[in-house]
Amino acid sequence: MHRLGARRLIIVGVLPLGCIPLIKTIRNVEDCDKSLNSVAYSFNAKLLQQLDNLKTKLGLKTALVDVYGMIQRAVTNPKNCLLYTSPSP
């Protein structure tokens, strides 16, 4: 991409995989899976390091969208994000 003229790069990070409703349903749990979240967090940290390397080596302007943090904040404090559990029918 750099050879083609790209000078700015925006990457969306990995969300906390253990908080995906499908994962929680398959595992029949209500809480997020900490081990899967740890993998996603580690991946995002390494991704951020690589983006810093691209800044240094190629002079790219980079940004990482912290989806992990956004979702973790919503899961941890749903009312702060205006998320509420609706009553069952």
C-alpha atoms as a PDB file:
ATOM      1  CA  MET A   1       0.000   0.000   0.000  1.00  0.00           C
ATOM      2  CA  HIS A   2       2.847   2.352   0.805  1.00  0.00           C
ATOM      3  CA  ARG A   3       4.368   1.729  -2.642  1.00  0.00           C
ATOM      4  CA  LEU A   4       1.037   2.711  -4.168  1.00  0.00           C
ATOM      5  CA  GLY A   5       1.051   6.033  -2.320  1.00  0.00           C
ATOM      6  CA  ALA A   6      -0.766   5.310   0.954  1.00  0.00           C
ATOM      7  CA  ARG A   7       0.430   7.650   3.692  1.00  0.00           C
ATOM      8  CA  ARG A   8      -2.394   7.274   6.222  1.00  0.00           C
ATOM      9  CA  LEU A   9      -3.686   4.040   7.674  1.00  0.00           C
ATOM     10  CA  ILE A  10      -6.629   3.442   9.993  1.00  0.00           C
ATOM     11  CA  ILE A  11      -6.996  -0.019  11.518  1.00  0.00           C
ATOM     12  CA  VAL A  12      -9.942  -1.281  13.540  1.00  0.00           C
ATOM     13  CA  GLY A  13      -8.751  -3.425  16.449  1.00  0.00           C
ATOM     14  CA  VAL A  14     -10.208  -6.748  17.508  1.00  0.00           C
ATOM     15  CA  LEU A  15     -13.185  -6.627  19.856  1.00  0.00           C
ATOM     16  CA  PRO A  16     -13.273  -8.627  23.107  1.00  0.00           C
ATOM     17  CA  LEU A  17     -14.036 -12.005  21.578  1.00  0.00           C
ATOM     18  CA  GLY A  18     -15.192 -13.483  24.876  1.00  0.00           C
ATOM     19  CA  CYS A  19     -18.058 -10.981  25.069  1.00  0.00           C
ATOM     20  CA  ILE A  20     -19.607 -11.913  21.726  1.00  0.00           C
ATOM     21  CA  PRO A  21     -23.160 -13.159  22.413  1.00  0.00           C
ATOM     22  CA  LEU A  22     -22.643 -16.251  20.228  1.00  0.00           C
ATOM     23  CA  ILE A  23     -19.600 -17.296  22.277  1.00  0.00           C
ATOM     24  CA  LYS A  24     -21.461 -16.766  25.546  1.00  0.00           C
ATOM     25  CA  THR A  25     -24.408 -18.790  24.222  1.00  0.00           C
ATOM     26  CA  ILE A  26     -22.258 -21.659  22.964  1.00  0.00           C
ATOM     27  CA  ARG A  27     -20.438 -21.831  26.298  1.00  0.00           C
ATOM     28  CA  ASN A  28     -23.707 -21.378  28.215  1.00  0.00           C
ATOM     29  CA  VAL A  29     -22.324 -18.567  30.397  1.00  0.00           C
ATOM     30  CA  GLU A  30     -23.483 -15.075  31.279  1.00  0.00           C
ATOM     31  CA  ASP A  31     -20.043 -13.519  31.804  1.00  0.00           C
ATOM     32  CA  CYS A  32     -17.422 -12.830  29.164  1.00  0.00           C
ATOM     33  CA  ASP A  33     -14.734 -15.458  28.526  1.00  0.00           C
ATOM     34  CA  LYS A  34     -11.548 -13.977  29.999  1.00  0.00           C
ATOM     35  CA  SER A  35      -9.185 -16.240  28.043  1.00  0.00           C
ATOM     36  CA  LEU A  36     -10.626 -15.177  24.675  1.00  0.00           C
ATOM     37  CA  ASN A  37     -10.570 -11.541  25.756  1.00  0.00           C
ATOM     38  CA  SER A  38      -6.917 -11.935  26.728  1.00  0.00           C
ATOM     39  CA  VAL A  39      -6.081 -13.199  23.233  1.00  0.00           C
ATOM     40  CA  ALA A  40      -7.847 -10.232  21.631  1.00  0.00           C
ATOM     41  CA  TYR A  41      -6.164  -7.758  24.000  1.00  0.00           C
ATOM     42  CA  SER A  42      -2.740  -9.236  23.279  1.00  0.00           C
ATOM     43  CA  PHE A  43      -3.352  -9.101  19.529  1.00  0.00           C
ATOM     44  CA  ASN A  44      -4.342  -5.430  19.737  1.00  0.00           C
ATOM     45  CA  ALA A  45      -1.216  -4.607  21.766  1.00  0.00           C
ATOM     46  CA  LYS A  46       0.999  -6.264  19.142  1.00  0.00           C
ATOM     47  CA  LEU A  47      -0.913  -4.528  16.371  1.00  0.00           C
ATOM     48  CA  LEU A  48      -0.277  -1.173  18.040  1.00  0.00           C
ATOM     49  CA  GLN A  49       3.453  -1.971  18.197  1.00  0.00           C
ATOM     50  CA  GLN A  50       3.480  -2.781  14.489  1.00  0.00           C
ATOM     51  CA  LEU A  51       1.668   0.456  13.670  1.00  0.00           C
ATOM     52  CA  ASP A  52       4.333   2.339  15.621  1.00  0.00           C
ATOM     53  CA  ASN A  53       6.988   0.528  13.560  1.00  0.00           C
ATOM     54  CA  LEU A  54       5.267   1.645  10.352  1.00  0.00           C
ATOM     55  CA  LYS A  55       5.245   5.230  11.615  1.00  0.00           C
ATOM     56  CA  THR A  56       8.962   5.079  12.325  1.00  0.00           C
ATOM     57  CA  LYS A  57      10.124   3.175   9.235  1.00  0.00           C
ATOM     58  CA  LEU A  58       7.819   4.557   6.564  1.00  0.00           C
ATOM     59  CA  GLY A  59       6.531   7.794   8.029  1.00  0.00           C
ATOM     60  CA  LEU A  60       2.917   6.618   7.846  1.00  0.00           C
ATOM     61  CA  LYS A  61       0.258   8.353   9.863  1.00  0.00           C
ATOM     62  CA  THR A  62      -1.616   5.573  11.624  1.00  0.00           C
ATOM     63  CA  ALA A  63      -4.562   5.209  13.963  1.00  0.00           C
ATOM     64  CA  LEU A  64      -5.977   2.220  15.798  1.00  0.00           C
ATOM     65  CA  VAL A  65      -9.710   2.264  16.535  1.00  0.00           C
ATOM     66  CA  ASP A  66     -10.013   0.787  20.035  1.00  0.00           C
ATOM     67  CA  VAL A  67     -13.153  -1.319  19.600  1.00  0.00           C
ATOM     68  CA  TYR A  68     -11.971  -3.558  22.442  1.00  0.00           C
ATOM     69  CA  GLY A  69     -12.015  -0.677  24.908  1.00  0.00           C
ATOM     70  CA  MET A  70     -15.374   0.624  23.678  1.00  0.00           C
ATOM     71  CA  ILE A  71     -17.094  -2.720  24.134  1.00  0.00           C
ATOM     72  CA  GLN A  72     -15.386  -3.445  27.457  1.00  0.00           C
ATOM     73  CA  ARG A  73     -16.635  -0.117  28.817  1.00  0.00           C
ATOM     74  CA  ALA A  74     -20.171  -0.940  27.633  1.00  0.00           C
ATOM     75  CA  VAL A  75     -20.029  -4.431  29.179  1.00  0.00           C
ATOM     76  CA  THR A  76     -18.575  -3.153  32.446  1.00  0.00           C
ATOM     77  CA  ASN A  77     -20.933  -0.166  32.809  1.00  0.00           C
ATOM     78  CA  PRO A  78     -23.920  -0.709  30.499  1.00  0.00           C
ATOM     79  CA  LYS A  79     -26.018   2.033  32.079  1.00  0.00           C
ATOM     80  CA  ASN A  80     -23.299   4.608  31.339  1.00  0.00           C
ATOM     81  CA  CYS A  81     -23.731   3.669  27.680  1.00  0.00           C
ATOM     82  CA  LEU A  82     -27.532   3.804  27.967  1.00  0.00           C
ATOM     83  CA  LEU A  83     -27.805   0.020  27.609  1.00  0.00           C
ATOM     84  CA  TYR A  84     -30.512  -1.696  29.620  1.00  0.00           C
ATOM     85  CA  THR A  85     -31.895  -5.216  29.809  1.00  0.00           C
ATOM     86  CA  SER A  86     -35.433  -5.320  28.542  1.00  0.00           C
ATOM     87  CA  PRO A  87     -38.003  -7.315  30.499  1.00  0.00           C
ATOM     88  CA  SER A  88     -38.771 -10.780  29.175  1.00  0.00           C
ATOM     89  CA  PRO A  89     -42.145 -11.124  27.425  1.00  0.00           C
END
